[in-house]
C-alpha atoms as a PDB file:
ATOM      1  CA  UNK A   1      -4.720 -64.772  31.838  1.00  0.00           C
ATOM      2  CA  UNK A   2      -4.643 -61.202  33.010  1.00  0.00           C
ATOM      3  CA  UNK A   3      -7.040 -59.614  35.369  1.00  0.00           C
ATOM      4  CA  UNK A   4      -9.306 -57.014  33.713  1.00  0.00           C
ATOM      5  CA  UNK A   5      -9.218 -54.727  36.744  1.00  0.00           C
ATOM      6  CA  UNK A   6      -5.429 -54.525  36.715  1.00  0.00           C
ATOM      7  CA  UNK A   7      -5.510 -53.503  33.017  1.00  0.00           C
ATOM      8  CA  UNK A   8      -8.028 -50.779  33.794  1.00  0.00           C
ATOM      9  CA  UNK A   9      -5.945 -49.560  36.708  1.00  0.00           C
ATOM     10  CA  UNK A  10      -2.820 -49.595  34.611  1.00  0.00           C
ATOM     11  CA  UNK A  11      -4.561 -47.578  31.914  1.00  0.00           C
ATOM     12  CA  UNK A  12      -5.848 -45.076  34.433  1.00  0.00           C
ATOM     13  CA  UNK A  13      -2.426 -44.769  36.071  1.00  0.00           C
ATOM     14  CA  UNK A  14      -0.863 -44.215  32.655  1.00  0.00           C
ATOM     15  CA  UNK A  15      -3.367 -41.467  31.833  1.00  0.00           C
ATOM     16  CA  UNK A  16      -2.774 -39.736  35.187  1.00  0.00           C
ATOM     17  CA  UNK A  17       0.992 -39.863  34.696  1.00  0.00           C
ATOM     18  CA  UNK A  18       0.664 -38.563  31.143  1.00  0.00           C
ATOM     19  CA  UNK A  19      -1.592 -35.695  32.225  1.00  0.00           C
ATOM     20  CA  UNK A  20       0.775 -34.780  35.054  1.00  0.00           C
ATOM     21  CA  UNK A  21       3.692 -34.687  32.610  1.00  0.00           C
ATOM     22  CA  UNK A  22       1.769 -32.445  30.210  1.00  0.00           C
ATOM     23  CA  UNK A  23       0.792 -30.077  33.042  1.00  0.00           C
ATOM     24  CA  UNK A  24       4.391 -29.921  34.214  1.00  0.00           C
ATOM     25  CA  UNK A  25       5.591 -29.054  30.730  1.00  0.00           C
ATOM     26  CA  UNK A  26       3.038 -26.265  30.387  1.00  0.00           C
ATOM     27  CA  UNK A  27       4.048 -24.834  33.731  1.00  0.00           C
ATOM     28  CA  UNK A  28       7.670 -24.775  32.635  1.00  0.00           C
ATOM     29  CA  UNK A  29       6.931 -23.229  29.237  1.00  0.00           C
ATOM     30  CA  UNK A  30       8.745 -19.910  28.892  1.00  0.00           C
ATOM     31  CA  UNK A  31       6.459 -16.920  29.016  1.00  0.00           C
ATOM     32  CA  UNK A  32       7.151 -13.389  28.084  1.00  0.00           C
ATOM     33  CA  UNK A  33       6.998 -11.007  31.008  1.00  0.00           C
ATOM     34  CA  UNK A  34       4.081  -8.627  30.939  1.00  0.00           C
ATOM     35  CA  UNK A  35       6.272  -5.784  29.625  1.00  0.00           C
ATOM     36  CA  UNK A  36       7.536  -8.115  26.886  1.00  0.00           C
ATOM     37  CA  UNK A  37       4.011  -8.973  25.824  1.00  0.00           C
ATOM     38  CA  UNK A  38       3.088  -5.316  25.806  1.00  0.00           C
ATOM     39  CA  UNK A  39       6.142  -4.474  23.732  1.00  0.00           C
ATOM     40  CA  UNK A  40       5.340  -7.280  21.291  1.00  0.00           C
ATOM     41  CA  UNK A  41       1.726  -6.154  20.892  1.00  0.00           C
ATOM     42  CA  UNK A  42       2.786  -2.531  20.505  1.00  0.00           C
ATOM     43  CA  UNK A  43       5.278  -3.459  17.784  1.00  0.00           C
ATOM     44  CA  UNK A  44       2.605  -5.469  15.950  1.00  0.00           C
ATOM     45  CA  UNK A  45       0.219  -2.524  16.102  1.00  0.00           C
ATOM     46  CA  UNK A  46       2.909  -0.149  14.829  1.00  0.00           C
ATOM     47  CA  UNK A  47       3.751  -2.464  11.944  1.00  0.00           C
ATOM     48  CA  UNK A  48       0.084  -2.838  11.010  1.00  0.00           C
ATOM     49  CA  UNK A  49      -0.506   0.903  11.106  1.00  0.00           C
ATOM     50  CA  UNK A  50       2.596   1.556   8.977  1.00  0.00           C
ATOM     51  CA  UNK A  51       1.371  -0.920   6.386  1.00  0.00           C
ATOM     52  CA  UNK A  52      -2.045   0.711   6.416  1.00  0.00           C
ATOM     53  CA  UNK A  53      -0.759   4.259   6.172  1.00  0.00           C
ATOM     54  CA  UNK A  54       1.822   3.530   3.494  1.00  0.00           C
ATOM     55  CA  UNK A  55      -0.948   2.835   1.007  1.00  0.00           C
ATOM     56  CA  UNK A  56      -3.178   5.720   2.046  1.00  0.00           C
ATOM     57  CA  UNK A  57      -1.646   8.743   0.406  1.00  0.00           C
ATOM     58  CA  UNK A  58      -4.008  11.000  -1.454  1.00  0.00           C
ATOM     59  CA  UNK A  59      -3.465  11.627  -5.142  1.00  0.00           C
ATOM     60  CA  UNK A  60      -4.255  15.159  -6.308  1.00  0.00           C
ATOM     61  CA  UNK A  61      -7.456  15.242  -8.312  1.00  0.00           C
ATOM     62  CA  UNK A  62      -7.505  17.094 -11.635  1.00  0.00           C
ATOM     63  CA  UNK A  63     -10.869  16.092 -13.048  1.00  0.00           C
ATOM     64  CA  UNK A  64     -12.470  19.418 -12.238  1.00  0.00           C
ATOM     65  CA  UNK A  65     -11.603  20.552 -15.760  1.00  0.00           C
ATOM     66  CA  UNK A  66     -11.860  18.363 -18.841  1.00  0.00           C
ATOM     67  CA  UNK A  67      -9.119  20.333 -20.616  1.00  0.00           C
ATOM     68  CA  UNK A  68      -6.616  19.325 -17.923  1.00  0.00           C
ATOM     69  CA  UNK A  69      -7.425  15.653 -18.311  1.00  0.00           C
ATOM     70  CA  UNK A  70      -7.134  15.938 -22.104  1.00  0.00           C
ATOM     71  CA  UNK A  71      -3.692  17.489 -21.641  1.00  0.00           C
ATOM     72  CA  UNK A  72      -2.705  14.636 -19.350  1.00  0.00           C
ATOM     73  CA  UNK A  73      -3.850  12.222 -22.035  1.00  0.00           C
ATOM     74  CA  UNK A  74      -1.766  14.088 -24.604  1.00  0.00           C
ATOM     75  CA  UNK A  75       1.201  13.999 -22.244  1.00  0.00           C
ATOM     76  CA  UNK A  76       0.747  10.239 -21.842  1.00  0.00           C
ATOM     77  CA  UNK A  77       0.817   9.851 -25.626  1.00  0.00           C
ATOM     78  CA  UNK A  78       3.963  11.992 -25.826  1.00  0.00           C
ATOM     79  CA  UNK A  79       5.695  10.030 -23.044  1.00  0.00           C
ATOM     80  CA  UNK A  80       4.831   6.590 -24.393  1.00  0.00           C
ATOM     81  CA  UNK A  81       5.988   7.590 -27.878  1.00  0.00           C
ATOM     82  CA  UNK A  82       9.162   9.111 -26.342  1.00  0.00           C
ATOM     83  CA  UNK A  83       8.868  12.337 -28.315  1.00  0.00           C
ATOM     84  CA  UNK A  84      10.504  15.168 -26.442  1.00  0.00           C
ATOM     85  CA  UNK A  85       9.002  17.903 -28.650  1.00  0.00           C
ATOM     86  CA  UNK A  86       5.477  16.730 -27.787  1.00  0.00           C
ATOM     87  CA  UNK A  87       6.390  16.580 -24.089  1.00  0.00           C
ATOM     88  CA  UNK A  88       7.633  20.183 -24.275  1.00  0.00           C
ATOM     89  CA  UNK A  89       4.399  21.272 -25.990  1.00  0.00           C
ATOM     90  CA  UNK A  90       2.345  19.558 -23.276  1.00  0.00           C
ATOM     91  CA  UNK A  91       4.460  21.178 -20.588  1.00  0.00           C
ATOM     92  CA  UNK A  92       3.690  24.623 -22.049  1.00  0.00           C
ATOM     93  CA  UNK A  93      -0.048  23.944 -22.187  1.00  0.00           C
ATOM     94  CA  UNK A  94      -0.097  22.470 -18.654  1.00  0.00           C
ATOM     95  CA  UNK A  95       1.865  25.462 -17.344  1.00  0.00           C
ATOM     96  CA  UNK A  96      -0.714  27.742 -18.933  1.00  0.00           C
ATOM     97  CA  UNK A  97      -3.557  25.756 -17.319  1.00  0.00           C
ATOM     98  CA  UNK A  98      -1.762  26.013 -13.973  1.00  0.00           C
ATOM     99  CA  UNK A  99      -1.357  29.774 -14.403  1.00  0.00           C
ATOM    100  CA  UNK A 100      -5.096  30.019 -15.118  1.00  0.00           C
ATOM    101  CA  UNK A 101      -5.672  28.033 -11.880  1.00  0.00           C
ATOM    102  CA  UNK A 102      -7.390  25.221 -13.741  1.00  0.00           C
ATOM    103  CA  UNK A 103      -4.682  22.794 -12.543  1.00  0.00           C
ATOM    104  CA  UNK A 104      -3.959  22.645  -8.818  1.00  0.00           C
ATOM    105  CA  UNK A 105      -0.498  23.177  -7.354  1.00  0.00           C
ATOM    106  CA  UNK A 106      -0.362  19.557  -6.179  1.00  0.00           C
ATOM    107  CA  UNK A 107      -1.398  18.262  -9.608  1.00  0.00           C
ATOM    108  CA  UNK A 108       1.121  20.502 -11.334  1.00  0.00           C
ATOM    109  CA  UNK A 109       3.833  19.243  -8.968  1.00  0.00           C
ATOM    110  CA  UNK A 110       3.106  15.638  -9.963  1.00  0.00           C
ATOM    111  CA  UNK A 111       3.136  16.511 -13.664  1.00  0.00           C
ATOM    112  CA  UNK A 112       6.418  18.401 -13.257  1.00  0.00           C
ATOM    113  CA  UNK A 113       8.030  15.355 -11.617  1.00  0.00           C
ATOM    114  CA  UNK A 114       6.854  13.186 -14.500  1.00  0.00           C
ATOM    115  CA  UNK A 115       8.249  15.601 -17.081  1.00  0.00           C
ATOM    116  CA  UNK A 116      11.540  15.724 -15.161  1.00  0.00           C
ATOM    117  CA  UNK A 117      11.762  11.933 -15.495  1.00  0.00           C
ATOM    118  CA  UNK A 118      11.421  12.254 -19.263  1.00  0.00           C
ATOM    119  CA  UNK A 119      14.269  14.781 -19.305  1.00  0.00           C
ATOM    120  CA  UNK A 120      16.426  12.198 -17.525  1.00  0.00           C
ATOM    121  CA  UNK A 121      15.492   9.605 -20.199  1.00  0.00           C
ATOM    122  CA  UNK A 122      13.459   7.560 -17.711  1.00  0.00           C
ATOM    123  CA  UNK A 123      10.620   7.150 -20.165  1.00  0.00           C
ATOM    124  CA  UNK A 124       9.235   3.894 -18.755  1.00  0.00           C
ATOM    125  CA  UNK A 125       9.157   5.238 -15.186  1.00  0.00           C
ATOM    126  CA  UNK A 126       7.521   8.450 -16.355  1.00  0.00           C
ATOM    127  CA  UNK A 127       4.897   6.539 -18.334  1.00  0.00           C
ATOM    128  CA  UNK A 128       4.110   4.282 -15.374  1.00  0.00           C
ATOM    129  CA  UNK A 129       3.913   7.211 -12.951  1.00  0.00           C
ATOM    130  CA  UNK A 130       1.628   9.137 -15.297  1.00  0.00           C
ATOM    131  CA  UNK A 131      -0.526   6.052 -15.881  1.00  0.00           C
ATOM    132  CA  UNK A 132      -0.911   5.517 -12.125  1.00  0.00           C
ATOM    133  CA  UNK A 133      -1.705   9.206 -11.645  1.00  0.00           C
ATOM    134  CA  UNK A 134      -4.388   9.138 -14.317  1.00  0.00           C
ATOM    135  CA  UNK A 135      -5.904   5.897 -12.992  1.00  0.00           C
ATOM    136  CA  UNK A 136      -6.151   7.377  -9.483  1.00  0.00           C
ATOM    137  CA  UNK A 137      -8.472  10.140 -10.675  1.00  0.00           C
ATOM    138  CA  UNK A 138     -12.040   9.752  -9.443  1.00  0.00           C
ATOM    139  CA  UNK A 139     -14.821  10.915 -11.669  1.00  0.00           C
ATOM    140  CA  UNK A 140     -17.435  13.038  -9.964  1.00  0.00           C
ATOM    141  CA  UNK A 141     -21.104  12.914 -10.864  1.00  0.00           C
ATOM    142  CA  UNK A 142     -22.110  15.892 -12.902  1.00  0.00           C
ATOM    143  CA  UNK A 143     -25.593  17.302 -12.591  1.00  0.00           C
ATOM    144  CA  UNK A 144     -27.834  16.796 -15.610  1.00  0.00           C
END
């Protein structure tokens, strides 16, 4: 029969040896030098800020005038039906609204890019771009 005290001592010796081995492994674990850690953190911050800023571009707002939004709706109908004559009619009316300063330069630039896509027979891309542009418009509260 074994002695209980020798089992306890053996268990304690085993635990001490195990703990010493774990501490030795942690001491030998490779660490990045301080400049490496700084570089790693800086690269993470740059990546996070790029991801944040890539989705934060402002879309020109055109809701100041209801006629402009109705023309955009007509242009969307013309683009989705792939009718070039309707697109040309919408272009004329939007150009007139831009000349009257009812459509901003930035908004007119977006519309011109969309119409250019239709001229290159990229109807699906033009429709998606116009849809995204129209969805990005924020309605303002009007006084009653």
